[in-house]
PDB file of N, CA and C in Angstrom:
ATOM      1  N   UNK A   1    -107.131-117.171  82.010  1.00  0.00           N
ATOM      2  CA  UNK A   1    -107.958-117.320  80.809  1.00  0.00           C
ATOM      3  C   UNK A   1    -107.357-116.305  79.846  1.00  0.00           C
ATOM      4  N   UNK A   2    -107.241-116.709  78.598  1.00  0.00           N
ATOM      5  CA  UNK A   2    -106.755-115.812  77.502  1.00  0.00           C
ATOM      6  C   UNK A   2    -107.553-115.932  76.322  1.00  0.00           C
ATOM      7  N   UNK A   3    -107.568-114.803  75.520  1.00  0.00           N
ATOM      8  CA  UNK A   3    -108.190-114.694  74.221  1.00  0.00           C
ATOM      9  C   UNK A   3    -106.995-114.559  73.256  1.00  0.00           C
ATOM     10  N   UNK A   4    -106.986-115.425  72.186  1.00  0.00           N
ATOM     11  CA  UNK A   4    -106.034-115.367  71.168  1.00  0.00           C
ATOM     12  C   UNK A   4    -106.458-115.774  69.849  1.00  0.00           C
ATOM     13  N   UNK A   5    -105.593-115.507  68.835  1.00  0.00           N
ATOM     14  CA  UNK A   5    -105.890-115.898  67.459  1.00  0.00           C
ATOM     15  C   UNK A   5    -105.760-117.357  67.138  1.00  0.00           C
ATOM     16  N   UNK A   6    -104.786-118.117  67.817  1.00  0.00           N
ATOM     17  CA  UNK A   6    -104.497-119.380  67.514  1.00  0.00           C
ATOM     18  C   UNK A   6    -103.888-120.106  68.750  1.00  0.00           C
ATOM     19  N   UNK A   7    -104.152-121.364  68.929  1.00  0.00           N
ATOM     20  CA  UNK A   7    -103.674-122.226  70.028  1.00  0.00           C
ATOM     21  C   UNK A   7    -103.171-123.547  69.432  1.00  0.00           C
ATOM     22  N   UNK A   8    -101.997-123.970  69.900  1.00  0.00           N
ATOM     23  CA  UNK A   8    -101.540-125.286  69.515  1.00  0.00           C
ATOM     24  C   UNK A   8    -100.565-125.820  70.676  1.00  0.00           C
ATOM     25  N   UNK A   9    -100.165-127.040  70.544  1.00  0.00           N
ATOM     26  CA  UNK A   9     -99.099-127.577  71.393  1.00  0.00           C
ATOM     27  C   UNK A   9     -97.874-127.848  70.445  1.00  0.00           C
ATOM     28  N   UNK A  10     -96.669-127.596  71.026  1.00  0.00           N
ATOM     29  CA  UNK A  10     -95.415-127.907  70.155  1.00  0.00           C
ATOM     30  C   UNK A  10     -95.108-129.289  70.383  1.00  0.00           C
ATOM     31  N   UNK A  11     -93.937-129.726  69.730  1.00  0.00           N
ATOM     32  CA  UNK A  11     -93.606-131.201  69.722  1.00  0.00           C
ATOM     33  C   UNK A  11     -93.221-131.674  71.217  1.00  0.00           C
ATOM     34  N   UNK A  12     -92.983-130.763  72.109  1.00  0.00           N
ATOM     35  CA  UNK A  12     -92.726-131.112  73.563  1.00  0.00           C
ATOM     36  C   UNK A  12     -93.946-130.937  74.360  1.00  0.00           C
ATOM     37  N   UNK A  13     -95.103-130.888  73.751  1.00  0.00           N
ATOM     38  CA  UNK A  13     -96.363-130.700  74.504  1.00  0.00           C
ATOM     39  C   UNK A  13     -96.499-129.443  75.314  1.00  0.00           C
ATOM     40  N   UNK A  14     -95.715-128.307  74.869  1.00  0.00           N
ATOM     41  CA  UNK A  14     -95.829-127.071  75.492  1.00  0.00           C
ATOM     42  C   UNK A  14     -96.881-126.264  74.796  1.00  0.00           C
ATOM     43  N   UNK A  15     -97.799-125.644  75.532  1.00  0.00           N
ATOM     44  CA  UNK A  15     -98.870-124.833  74.878  1.00  0.00           C
ATOM     45  C   UNK A  15     -98.335-123.576  74.251  1.00  0.00           C
ATOM     46  N   UNK A  16     -98.828-123.250  73.022  1.00  0.00           N
ATOM     47  CA  UNK A  16     -98.549-122.042  72.336  1.00  0.00           C
ATOM     48  C   UNK A  16     -99.826-121.239  71.997  1.00  0.00           C
ATOM     49  N   UNK A  17     -99.745-119.977  72.527  1.00  0.00           N
ATOM     50  CA  UNK A  17    -100.847-119.119  72.233  1.00  0.00           C
ATOM     51  C   UNK A  17    -100.314-117.935  71.379  1.00  0.00           C
ATOM     52  N   UNK A  18    -100.872-117.801  70.127  1.00  0.00           N
ATOM     53  CA  UNK A  18    -100.498-116.797  69.248  1.00  0.00           C
ATOM     54  C   UNK A  18    -101.454-115.697  69.182  1.00  0.00           C
ATOM     55  N   UNK A  19    -100.993-114.448  69.234  1.00  0.00           N
ATOM     56  CA  UNK A  19    -101.826-113.242  69.054  1.00  0.00           C
ATOM     57  C   UNK A  19    -102.759-113.101  70.233  1.00  0.00           C
ATOM     58  N   UNK A  20    -102.202-113.015  71.436  1.00  0.00           N
ATOM     59  CA  UNK A  20    -102.987-112.804  72.666  1.00  0.00           C
ATOM     60  C   UNK A  20    -103.592-111.362  72.661  1.00  0.00           C
ATOM     61  N   UNK A  21    -104.926-111.240  72.955  1.00  0.00           N
ATOM     62  CA  UNK A  21    -105.550-109.927  73.010  1.00  0.00           C
ATOM     63  C   UNK A  21    -106.513-109.826  74.067  1.00  0.00           C
ATOM     64  N   UNK A  22    -106.975-108.617  74.433  1.00  0.00           N
ATOM     65  CA  UNK A  22    -108.050-108.319  75.307  1.00  0.00           C
ATOM     66  C   UNK A  22    -109.105-107.327  74.638  1.00  0.00           C
ATOM     67  N   UNK A  23    -108.737-106.839  73.482  1.00  0.00           N
ATOM     68  CA  UNK A  23    -109.613-105.926  72.793  1.00  0.00           C
ATOM     69  C   UNK A  23    -109.833-106.315  71.373  1.00  0.00           C
ATOM     70  N   UNK A  24    -111.068-106.130  70.843  1.00  0.00           N
ATOM     71  CA  UNK A  24    -111.401-106.296  69.487  1.00  0.00           C
ATOM     72  C   UNK A  24    -111.858-104.987  68.909  1.00  0.00           C
ATOM     73  N   UNK A  25    -111.256-104.533  67.794  1.00  0.00           N
ATOM     74  CA  UNK A  25    -111.639-103.293  67.140  1.00  0.00           C
ATOM     75  C   UNK A  25    -112.461-103.550  65.910  1.00  0.00           C
ATOM     76  N   UNK A  26    -113.638-102.984  65.880  1.00  0.00           N
ATOM     77  CA  UNK A  26    -114.585-103.180  64.791  1.00  0.00           C
ATOM     78  C   UNK A  26    -114.942-101.798  64.207  1.00  0.00           C
ATOM     79  N   UNK A  27    -114.974-101.754  62.884  1.00  0.00           N
ATOM     80  CA  UNK A  27    -115.418-100.501  62.190  1.00  0.00           C
ATOM     81  C   UNK A  27    -116.926-100.420  62.367  1.00  0.00           C
ATOM     82  N   UNK A  28    -117.665-101.504  62.093  1.00  0.00           N
ATOM     83  CA  UNK A  28    -119.107-101.514  62.121  1.00  0.00           C
ATOM     84  C   UNK A  28    -119.570-102.315  63.271  1.00  0.00           C
ATOM     85  N   UNK A  29    -120.705-101.776  63.966  1.00  0.00           N
ATOM     86  CA  UNK A  29    -121.325-102.547  64.993  1.00  0.00           C
ATOM     87  C   UNK A  29    -122.821-102.411  64.644  1.00  0.00           C
ATOM     88  N   UNK A  30    -123.572-103.521  64.537  1.00  0.00           N
ATOM     89  CA  UNK A  30    -123.155-104.946  64.758  1.00  0.00           C
ATOM     90  C   UNK A  30    -122.230-105.385  63.605  1.00  0.00           C
ATOM     91  N   UNK A  31    -121.364-106.364  64.052  1.00  0.00           N
ATOM     92  CA  UNK A  31    -120.365-106.945  63.101  1.00  0.00           C
ATOM     93  C   UNK A  31    -120.001-108.354  63.644  1.00  0.00           C
ATOM     94  N   UNK A  32    -119.523-109.187  62.679  1.00  0.00           N
ATOM     95  CA  UNK A  32    -119.144-110.559  63.092  1.00  0.00           C
ATOM     96  C   UNK A  32    -117.601-110.592  63.106  1.00  0.00           C
ATOM     97  N   UNK A  33    -117.077-111.260  64.110  1.00  0.00           N
ATOM     98  CA  UNK A  33    -115.559-111.444  64.267  1.00  0.00           C
ATOM     99  C   UNK A  33    -115.344-112.793  63.775  1.00  0.00           C
ATOM    100  N   UNK A  34    -114.417-113.000  62.837  1.00  0.00           N
ATOM    101  CA  UNK A  34    -114.278-114.251  62.123  1.00  0.00           C
ATOM    102  C   UNK A  34    -113.874-115.431  62.989  1.00  0.00           C
ATOM    103  N   UNK A  35    -112.767-115.244  63.863  1.00  0.00           N
ATOM    104  CA  UNK A  35    -112.330-116.359  64.658  1.00  0.00           C
ATOM    105  C   UNK A  35    -111.479-115.889  65.811  1.00  0.00           C
ATOM    106  N   UNK A  36    -111.743-116.493  67.055  1.00  0.00           N
ATOM    107  CA  UNK A  36    -110.792-116.366  68.131  1.00  0.00           C
ATOM    108  C   UNK A  36    -110.900-117.567  69.005  1.00  0.00           C
ATOM    109  N   UNK A  37    -109.890-117.767  69.818  1.00  0.00           N
ATOM    110  CA  UNK A  37    -109.790-118.872  70.734  1.00  0.00           C
ATOM    111  C   UNK A  37    -109.754-118.473  72.151  1.00  0.00           C
ATOM    112  N   UNK A  38    -110.549-119.124  72.984  1.00  0.00           N
ATOM    113  CA  UNK A  38    -110.502-118.886  74.404  1.00  0.00           C
ATOM    114  C   UNK A  38    -109.694-120.025  75.066  1.00  0.00           C
ATOM    115  N   UNK A  39    -108.584-119.729  75.835  1.00  0.00           N
ATOM    116  CA  UNK A  39    -107.784-120.722  76.390  1.00  0.00           C
ATOM    117  C   UNK A  39    -107.899-120.556  77.903  1.00  0.00           C
ATOM    118  N   UNK A  40    -108.227-121.743  78.587  1.00  0.00           N
ATOM    119  CA  UNK A  40    -108.352-121.733  80.055  1.00  0.00           C
ATOM    120  C   UNK A  40    -107.461-122.740  80.632  1.00  0.00           C
ATOM    121  N   UNK A  41    -106.523-122.260  81.562  1.00  0.00           N
ATOM    122  CA  UNK A  41    -105.639-123.220  82.261  1.00  0.00           C
ATOM    123  C   UNK A  41    -106.330-123.518  83.631  1.00  0.00           C
ATOM    124  N   UNK A  42    -106.510-124.785  83.897  1.00  0.00           N
ATOM    125  CA  UNK A  42    -107.153-125.274  85.087  1.00  0.00           C
ATOM    126  C   UNK A  42    -106.096-125.972  85.997  1.00  0.00           C
ATOM    127  N   UNK A  43    -106.298-125.784  87.315  1.00  0.00           N
ATOM    128  CA  UNK A  43    -105.435-126.539  88.160  1.00  0.00           C
ATOM    129  C   UNK A  43    -106.211-127.161  89.303  1.00  0.00           C
ATOM    130  N   UNK A  44    -105.655-127.964  90.130  1.00  0.00           N
ATOM    131  CA  UNK A  44    -106.289-128.803  91.221  1.00  0.00           C
ATOM    132  C   UNK A  44    -107.404-129.672  90.753  1.00  0.00           C
ATOM    133  N   UNK A  45    -107.313-130.119  89.563  1.00  0.00           N
ATOM    134  CA  UNK A  45    -108.364-130.972  89.042  1.00  0.00           C
ATOM    135  C   UNK A  45    -108.401-132.340  89.791  1.00  0.00           C
ATOM    136  N   UNK A  46    -107.371-132.839  90.262  1.00  0.00           N
ATOM    137  CA  UNK A  46    -107.375-134.160  90.898  1.00  0.00           C
ATOM    138  C   UNK A  46    -108.035-134.072  92.294  1.00  0.00           C
ATOM    139  N   UNK A  47    -108.435-132.894  92.797  1.00  0.00           N
ATOM    140  CA  UNK A  47    -109.143-132.773  93.996  1.00  0.00           C
ATOM    141  C   UNK A  47    -110.674-132.740  93.813  1.00  0.00           C
ATOM    142  N   UNK A  48    -111.044-132.781  92.572  1.00  0.00           N
ATOM    143  CA  UNK A  48    -112.513-132.663  92.290  1.00  0.00           C
ATOM    144  C   UNK A  48    -113.044-134.108  92.212  1.00  0.00           C
ATOM    145  N   UNK A  49    -114.308-134.266  92.526  1.00  0.00           N
ATOM    146  CA  UNK A  49    -114.949-135.622  92.461  1.00  0.00           C
ATOM    147  C   UNK A  49    -115.283-135.899  91.049  1.00  0.00           C
ATOM    148  N   UNK A  50    -115.248-137.189  90.741  1.00  0.00           N
ATOM    149  CA  UNK A  50    -115.657-137.715  89.448  1.00  0.00           C
ATOM    150  C   UNK A  50    -114.561-137.881  88.436  1.00  0.00           C
ATOM    151  N   UNK A  51    -114.947-138.385  87.245  1.00  0.00           N
ATOM    152  CA  UNK A  51    -113.958-138.670  86.259  1.00  0.00           C
ATOM    153  C   UNK A  51    -113.920-137.695  85.073  1.00  0.00           C
ATOM    154  N   UNK A  52    -114.873-136.792  85.081  1.00  0.00           N
ATOM    155  CA  UNK A  52    -114.919-135.727  84.058  1.00  0.00           C
ATOM    156  C   UNK A  52    -115.573-134.411  84.703  1.00  0.00           C
ATOM    157  N   UNK A  53    -115.077-133.335  84.131  1.00  0.00           N
ATOM    158  CA  UNK A  53    -115.514-132.097  84.510  1.00  0.00           C
ATOM    159  C   UNK A  53    -116.433-131.566  83.389  1.00  0.00           C
ATOM    160  N   UNK A  54    -117.687-131.180  83.710  1.00  0.00           N
ATOM    161  CA  UNK A  54    -118.537-130.614  82.658  1.00  0.00           C
ATOM    162  C   UNK A  54    -118.636-129.097  82.924  1.00  0.00           C
ATOM    163  N   UNK A  55    -118.277-128.316  81.988  1.00  0.00           N
ATOM    164  CA  UNK A  55    -118.147-126.866  82.145  1.00  0.00           C
ATOM    165  C   UNK A  55    -119.087-126.170  81.193  1.00  0.00           C
ATOM    166  N   UNK A  56    -119.612-125.056  81.592  1.00  0.00           N
ATOM    167  CA  UNK A  56    -120.428-124.238  80.736  1.00  0.00           C
ATOM    168  C   UNK A  56    -119.753-122.880  80.575  1.00  0.00           C
ATOM    169  N   UNK A  57    -119.777-122.392  79.396  1.00  0.00           N
ATOM    170  CA  UNK A  57    -119.173-121.097  79.029  1.00  0.00           C
ATOM    171  C   UNK A  57    -120.287-120.178  78.509  1.00  0.00           C
ATOM    172  N   UNK A  58    -120.034-118.892  78.876  1.00  0.00           N
ATOM    173  CA  UNK A  58    -120.975-117.832  78.414  1.00  0.00           C
ATOM    174  C   UNK A  58    -120.174-116.613  77.998  1.00  0.00           C
ATOM    175  N   UNK A  59    -120.618-115.872  76.941  1.00  0.00           N
ATOM    176  CA  UNK A  59    -120.100-114.636  76.562  1.00  0.00           C
ATOM    177  C   UNK A  59    -121.262-113.692  76.712  1.00  0.00           C
ATOM    178  N   UNK A  60    -121.120-112.787  77.656  1.00  0.00           N
ATOM    179  CA  UNK A  60    -122.247-111.742  77.921  1.00  0.00           C
ATOM    180  C   UNK A  60    -121.872-110.431  77.431  1.00  0.00           C
ATOM    181  N   UNK A  61    -122.907-109.781  76.841  1.00  0.00           N
ATOM    182  CA  UNK A  61    -122.745-108.423  76.297  1.00  0.00           C
ATOM    183  C   UNK A  61    -122.660-107.433  77.404  1.00  0.00           C
ATOM    184  N   UNK A  62    -122.362-106.168  77.313  1.00  0.00           N
ATOM    185  CA  UNK A  62    -122.361-105.158  78.339  1.00  0.00           C
ATOM    186  C   UNK A  62    -123.708-105.072  79.000  1.00  0.00           C
ATOM    187  N   UNK A  63    -124.717-105.319  78.341  1.00  0.00           N
ATOM    188  CA  UNK A  63    -126.084-105.358  78.939  1.00  0.00           C
ATOM    189  C   UNK A  63    -126.571-106.648  79.457  1.00  0.00           C
ATOM    190  N   UNK A  64    -125.685-107.642  79.512  1.00  0.00           N
ATOM    191  CA  UNK A  64    -125.975-108.949  80.053  1.00  0.00           C
ATOM    192  C   UNK A  64    -126.627-109.996  79.202  1.00  0.00           C
ATOM    193  N   UNK A  65    -126.739-109.597  77.874  1.00  0.00           N
ATOM    194  CA  UNK A  65    -127.321-110.563  76.937  1.00  0.00           C
ATOM    195  C   UNK A  65    -126.337-111.687  76.528  1.00  0.00           C
ATOM    196  N   UNK A  66    -126.845-112.848  76.305  1.00  0.00           N
ATOM    197  CA  UNK A  66    -125.947-113.918  75.833  1.00  0.00           C
ATOM    198  C   UNK A  66    -125.601-113.757  74.396  1.00  0.00           C
ATOM    199  N   UNK A  67    -124.296-113.536  74.154  1.00  0.00           N
ATOM    200  CA  UNK A  67    -123.867-113.215  72.755  1.00  0.00           C
ATOM    201  C   UNK A  67    -123.912-114.503  71.919  1.00  0.00           C
ATOM    202  N   UNK A  68    -123.613-115.700  72.530  1.00  0.00           N
ATOM    203  CA  UNK A  68    -123.689-116.958  71.889  1.00  0.00           C
ATOM    204  C   UNK A  68    -124.662-117.868  72.654  1.00  0.00           C
ATOM    205  N   UNK A  69    -125.910-117.773  72.312  1.00  0.00           N
ATOM    206  CA  UNK A  69    -126.930-118.485  73.094  1.00  0.00           C
ATOM    207  C   UNK A  69    -126.846-120.028  73.151  1.00  0.00           C
ATOM    208  N   UNK A  70    -126.268-120.545  72.055  1.00  0.00           N
ATOM    209  CA  UNK A  70    -126.273-122.090  72.063  1.00  0.00           C
ATOM    210  C   UNK A  70    -124.818-122.568  72.203  1.00  0.00           C
ATOM    211  N   UNK A  71    -124.089-122.069  73.078  1.00  0.00           N
ATOM    212  CA  UNK A  71    -122.656-122.475  73.290  1.00  0.00           C
ATOM    213  C   UNK A  71    -122.734-123.832  73.937  1.00  0.00           C
ATOM    214  N   UNK A  72    -122.001-124.779  73.454  1.00  0.00           N
ATOM    215  CA  UNK A  72    -122.091-126.172  73.958  1.00  0.00           C
ATOM    216  C   UNK A  72    -121.311-126.312  75.361  1.00  0.00           C
ATOM    217  N   UNK A  73    -121.697-127.230  76.076  1.00  0.00           N
ATOM    218  CA  UNK A  73    -120.962-127.575  77.316  1.00  0.00           C
ATOM    219  C   UNK A  73    -119.601-128.169  76.841  1.00  0.00           C
ATOM    220  N   UNK A  74    -118.601-128.014  77.774  1.00  0.00           N
ATOM    221  CA  UNK A  74    -117.274-128.635  77.529  1.00  0.00           C
ATOM    222  C   UNK A  74    -117.049-129.772  78.539  1.00  0.00           C
ATOM    223  N   UNK A  75    -116.562-130.873  78.055  1.00  0.00           N
ATOM    224  CA  UNK A  75    -116.252-132.016  78.929  1.00  0.00           C
ATOM    225  C   UNK A  75    -114.828-132.225  78.963  1.00  0.00           C
ATOM    226  N   UNK A  76    -114.202-132.209  80.216  1.00  0.00           N
ATOM    227  CA  UNK A  76    -112.741-132.379  80.380  1.00  0.00           C
ATOM    228  C   UNK A  76    -112.491-133.665  81.130  1.00  0.00           C
ATOM    229  N   UNK A  77    -111.896-134.649  80.659  1.00  0.00           N
ATOM    230  CA  UNK A  77    -111.607-135.831  81.438  1.00  0.00           C
ATOM    231  C   UNK A  77    -110.602-135.503  82.608  1.00  0.00           C
ATOM    232  N   UNK A  78    -110.963-135.990  83.799  1.00  0.00           N
ATOM    233  CA  UNK A  78    -110.050-135.820  84.952  1.00  0.00           C
ATOM    234  C   UNK A  78    -109.261-137.045  85.269  1.00  0.00           C
ATOM    235  N   UNK A  79    -107.891-137.014  85.163  1.00  0.00           N
ATOM    236  CA  UNK A  79    -107.063-138.128  85.437  1.00  0.00           C
ATOM    237  C   UNK A  79    -106.536-138.010  86.843  1.00  0.00           C
ATOM    238  N   UNK A  80    -106.568-139.066  87.513  1.00  0.00           N
ATOM    239  CA  UNK A  80    -106.224-139.119  88.990  1.00  0.00           C
ATOM    240  C   UNK A  80    -104.823-138.545  89.207  1.00  0.00           C
ATOM    241  N   UNK A  81    -103.918-138.893  88.307  1.00  0.00           N
ATOM    242  CA  UNK A  81    -102.460-138.550  88.491  1.00  0.00           C
ATOM    243  C   UNK A  81    -102.201-137.185  87.957  1.00  0.00           C
ATOM    244  N   UNK A  82    -103.174-136.416  87.327  1.00  0.00           N
ATOM    245  CA  UNK A  82    -102.824-135.093  86.806  1.00  0.00           C
ATOM    246  C   UNK A  82    -103.760-134.034  87.503  1.00  0.00           C
ATOM    247  N   UNK A  83    -103.075-132.955  87.882  1.00  0.00           N
ATOM    248  CA  UNK A  83    -103.776-131.848  88.573  1.00  0.00           C
ATOM    249  C   UNK A  83    -104.087-130.672  87.654  1.00  0.00           C
ATOM    250  N   UNK A  84    -103.612-130.673  86.450  1.00  0.00           N
ATOM    251  CA  UNK A  84    -103.794-129.543  85.549  1.00  0.00           C
ATOM    252  C   UNK A  84    -104.516-129.950  84.259  1.00  0.00           C
ATOM    253  N   UNK A  85    -105.067-128.999  83.651  1.00  0.00           N
ATOM    254  CA  UNK A  85    -105.713-129.237  82.380  1.00  0.00           C
ATOM    255  C   UNK A  85    -105.767-127.972  81.605  1.00  0.00           C
ATOM    256  N   UNK A  86    -106.022-128.074  80.285  1.00  0.00           N
ATOM    257  CA  UNK A  86    -106.159-126.932  79.483  1.00  0.00           C
ATOM    258  C   UNK A  86    -107.447-127.101  78.641  1.00  0.00           C
ATOM    259  N   UNK A  87    -108.297-126.138  78.617  1.00  0.00           N
ATOM    260  CA  UNK A  87    -109.470-126.168  77.689  1.00  0.00           C
ATOM    261  C   UNK A  87    -109.292-125.056  76.726  1.00  0.00           C
ATOM    262  N   UNK A  88    -109.616-125.398  75.494  1.00  0.00           N
ATOM    263  CA  UNK A  88    -109.602-124.463  74.437  1.00  0.00           C
ATOM    264  C   UNK A  88    -110.995-124.429  73.754  1.00  0.00           C
ATOM    265  N   UNK A  89    -111.448-123.243  73.456  1.00  0.00           N
ATOM    266  CA  UNK A  89    -112.710-123.138  72.809  1.00  0.00           C
ATOM    267  C   UNK A  89    -112.551-122.183  71.663  1.00  0.00           C
ATOM    268  N   UNK A  90    -112.650-122.723  70.462  1.00  0.00           N
ATOM    269  CA  UNK A  90    -112.513-121.948  69.184  1.00  0.00           C
ATOM    270  C   UNK A  90    -113.901-121.430  68.787  1.00  0.00           C
ATOM    271  N   UNK A  91    -114.060-120.099  68.779  1.00  0.00           N
ATOM    272  CA  UNK A  91    -115.275-119.441  68.372  1.00  0.00           C
ATOM    273  C   UNK A  91    -115.125-118.802  67.091  1.00  0.00           C
ATOM    274  N   UNK A  92    -116.242-118.944  66.198  1.00  0.00           N
ATOM    275  CA  UNK A  92    -116.132-118.420  64.925  1.00  0.00           C
ATOM    276  C   UNK A  92    -117.471-117.623  64.586  1.00  0.00           C
ATOM    277  N   UNK A  93    -117.320-116.547  63.738  1.00  0.00           N
ATOM    278  CA  UNK A  93    -118.447-115.725  63.397  1.00  0.00           C
ATOM    279  C   UNK A  93    -119.260-115.273  64.502  1.00  0.00           C
ATOM    280  N   UNK A  94    -118.609-114.797  65.492  1.00  0.00           N
ATOM    281  CA  UNK A  94    -119.349-114.290  66.723  1.00  0.00           C
ATOM    282  C   UNK A  94    -119.833-112.847  66.397  1.00  0.00           C
ATOM    283  N   UNK A  95    -121.114-112.605  66.531  1.00  0.00           N
ATOM    284  CA  UNK A  95    -121.687-111.355  66.190  1.00  0.00           C
ATOM    285  C   UNK A  95    -121.688-110.459  67.478  1.00  0.00           C
ATOM    286  N   UNK A  96    -120.989-109.372  67.396  1.00  0.00           N
ATOM    287  CA  UNK A  96    -121.041-108.332  68.442  1.00  0.00           C
ATOM    288  C   UNK A  96    -121.970-107.231  68.040  1.00  0.00           C
ATOM    289  N   UNK A  97    -123.012-107.045  68.872  1.00  0.00           N
ATOM    290  CA  UNK A  97    -124.106-106.092  68.533  1.00  0.00           C
ATOM    291  C   UNK A  97    -123.896-104.780  69.181  1.00  0.00           C
ATOM    292  N   UNK A  98    -122.957-104.718  70.203  1.00  0.00           N
ATOM    293  CA  UNK A  98    -122.697-103.493  70.811  1.00  0.00           C
ATOM    294  C   UNK A  98    -121.214-103.388  71.225  1.00  0.00           C
ATOM    295  N   UNK A  99    -120.692-102.221  71.515  1.00  0.00           N
ATOM    296  CA  UNK A  99    -119.366-102.070  71.933  1.00  0.00           C
ATOM    297  C   UNK A  99    -119.352-102.021  73.410  1.00  0.00           C
ATOM    298  N   UNK A 100    -118.160-102.165  73.995  1.00  0.00           N
ATOM    299  CA  UNK A 100    -118.032-102.084  75.460  1.00  0.00           C
ATOM    300  C   UNK A 100    -117.437-103.390  76.048  1.00  0.00           C
ATOM    301  N   UNK A 101    -117.466-103.524  77.374  1.00  0.00           N
ATOM    302  CA  UNK A 101    -116.900-104.769  77.978  1.00  0.00           C
ATOM    303  C   UNK A 101    -117.924-105.890  77.952  1.00  0.00           C
ATOM    304  N   UNK A 102    -117.391-107.045  77.271  1.00  0.00           N
ATOM    305  CA  UNK A 102    -118.091-108.237  77.307  1.00  0.00           C
ATOM    306  C   UNK A 102    -117.475-109.154  78.282  1.00  0.00           C
ATOM    307  N   UNK A 103    -118.232-110.014  78.967  1.00  0.00           N
ATOM    308  CA  UNK A 103    -117.702-110.888  80.009  1.00  0.00           C
ATOM    309  C   UNK A 103    -117.792-112.258  79.617  1.00  0.00           C
ATOM    310  N   UNK A 104    -116.688-112.943  79.575  1.00  0.00           N
ATOM    311  CA  UNK A 104    -116.639-114.421  79.301  1.00  0.00           C
ATOM    312  C   UNK A 104    -116.534-115.167  80.640  1.00  0.00           C
ATOM    313  N   UNK A 105    -117.549-116.004  80.880  1.00  0.00           N
ATOM    314  CA  UNK A 105    -117.613-116.693  82.168  1.00  0.00           C
ATOM    315  C   UNK A 105    -117.454-118.247  81.906  1.00  0.00           C
ATOM    316  N   UNK A 106    -116.849-118.833  82.843  1.00  0.00           N
ATOM    317  CA  UNK A 106    -116.769-120.334  82.831  1.00  0.00           C
ATOM    318  C   UNK A 106    -117.321-120.900  84.136  1.00  0.00           C
ATOM    319  N   UNK A 107    -118.302-121.753  84.041  1.00  0.00           N
ATOM    320  CA  UNK A 107    -118.962-122.180  85.254  1.00  0.00           C
ATOM    321  C   UNK A 107    -118.794-123.775  85.393  1.00  0.00           C
ATOM    322  N   UNK A 108    -118.863-124.277  86.682  1.00  0.00           N
ATOM    323  CA  UNK A 108    -118.868-125.677  86.946  1.00  0.00           C
ATOM    324  C   UNK A 108    -119.837-125.783  88.082  1.00  0.00           C
ATOM    325  N   UNK A 109    -120.876-126.712  87.925  1.00  0.00           N
ATOM    326  CA  UNK A 109    -121.884-126.883  88.850  1.00  0.00           C
ATOM    327  C   UNK A 109    -122.485-125.460  89.343  1.00  0.00           C
ATOM    328  N   UNK A 110    -122.790-124.626  88.387  1.00  0.00           N
ATOM    329  CA  UNK A 110    -123.351-123.231  88.607  1.00  0.00           C
ATOM    330  C   UNK A 110    -122.456-122.329  89.397  1.00  0.00           C
ATOM    331  N   UNK A 111    -121.269-122.651  89.610  1.00  0.00           N
ATOM    332  CA  UNK A 111    -120.243-121.926  90.332  1.00  0.00           C
ATOM    333  C   UNK A 111    -119.266-121.293  89.304  1.00  0.00           C
ATOM    334  N   UNK A 112    -119.032-119.990  89.390  1.00  0.00           N
ATOM    335  CA  UNK A 112    -118.147-119.316  88.466  1.00  0.00           C
ATOM    336  C   UNK A 112    -116.687-119.708  88.869  1.00  0.00           C
ATOM    337  N   UNK A 113    -115.997-120.287  87.986  1.00  0.00           N
ATOM    338  CA  UNK A 113    -114.604-120.708  88.239  1.00  0.00           C
ATOM    339  C   UNK A 113    -113.574-119.882  87.336  1.00  0.00           C
ATOM    340  N   UNK A 114    -114.084-118.999  86.460  1.00  0.00           N
ATOM    341  CA  UNK A 114    -113.159-118.257  85.685  1.00  0.00           C
ATOM    342  C   UNK A 114    -113.945-117.161  84.907  1.00  0.00           C
ATOM    343  N   UNK A 115    -113.310-115.981  84.901  1.00  0.00           N
ATOM    344  CA  UNK A 115    -113.937-114.881  84.119  1.00  0.00           C
ATOM    345  C   UNK A 115    -112.791-114.080  83.488  1.00  0.00           C
ATOM    346  N   UNK A 116    -113.204-113.458  82.320  1.00  0.00           N
ATOM    347  CA  UNK A 116    -112.325-112.538  81.629  1.00  0.00           C
ATOM    348  C   UNK A 116    -113.065-111.534  80.837  1.00  0.00           C
ATOM    349  N   UNK A 117    -112.582-110.322  80.809  1.00  0.00           N
ATOM    350  CA  UNK A 117    -113.191-109.217  80.071  1.00  0.00           C
ATOM    351  C   UNK A 117    -112.622-109.161  78.700  1.00  0.00           C
ATOM    352  N   UNK A 118    -113.543-109.034  77.690  1.00  0.00           N
ATOM    353  CA  UNK A 118    -113.084-108.848  76.316  1.00  0.00           C
ATOM    354  C   UNK A 118    -113.767-107.432  75.893  1.00  0.00           C
ATOM    355  N   UNK A 119    -112.942-106.508  75.550  1.00  0.00           N
ATOM    356  CA  UNK A 119    -113.528-105.185  75.204  1.00  0.00           C
ATOM    357  C   UNK A 119    -113.684-105.125  73.681  1.00  0.00           C
ATOM    358  N   UNK A 120    -114.859-104.723  73.301  1.00  0.00           N
ATOM    359  CA  UNK A 120    -115.089-104.442  71.834  1.00  0.00           C
ATOM    360  C   UNK A 120    -115.214-103.001  71.647  1.00  0.00           C
ATOM    361  N   UNK A 121    -114.301-102.460  70.807  1.00  0.00           N
ATOM    362  CA  UNK A 121    -114.245-101.021  70.535  1.00  0.00           C
ATOM    363  C   UNK A 121    -114.747-100.804  69.115  1.00  0.00           C
ATOM    364  N   UNK A 122    -115.488 -99.685  68.945  1.00  0.00           N
ATOM    365  CA  UNK A 122    -115.944 -99.213  67.570  1.00  0.00           C
ATOM    366  C   UNK A 122    -114.889 -98.168  67.168  1.00  0.00           C
ATOM    367  N   UNK A 123    -114.181 -98.406  65.965  1.00  0.00           N
ATOM    368  CA  UNK A 123    -113.250 -97.503  65.517  1.00  0.00           C
ATOM    369  C   UNK A 123    -113.580 -96.999  64.104  1.00  0.00           C
ATOM    370  N   UNK A 124    -113.062 -95.897  63.718  1.00  0.00           N
ATOM    371  CA  UNK A 124    -113.319 -95.373  62.441  1.00  0.00           C
ATOM    372  C   UNK A 124    -112.201 -95.814  61.465  1.00  0.00           C
ATOM    373  N   UNK A 125    -112.578 -95.884  60.116  1.00  0.00           N
ATOM    374  CA  UNK A 125    -111.616 -96.286  59.230  1.00  0.00           C
ATOM    375  C   UNK A 125    -110.570 -95.292  58.967  1.00  0.00           C
TER     376      UNK A 125
END
């Protein structure tokens, strides 16, 4: 799982992640971060039951509060002949109300299948 500024595929269908980061530096807290992309690479998809994978994402503050309470579920079609998939979630105007380690979680059937730490730092100008 990666946090980055932009995600795309090139002409050969190769994924491109631009501006990969694990830290966000903010002068003021609370403050809104304009845009970032969460990229998740999944494998062994063809071993899962069903034709689609419904995933739930959460971004939790250091105190465990839901930073984006109305984050939508993500639906990934599962093709029998493919074992890998990529999920991208573009997030905009995310308000960070405290500094510290934030936890991004991805769940399937209430089971955590991916986690990543995003650190929000308060910096001076």
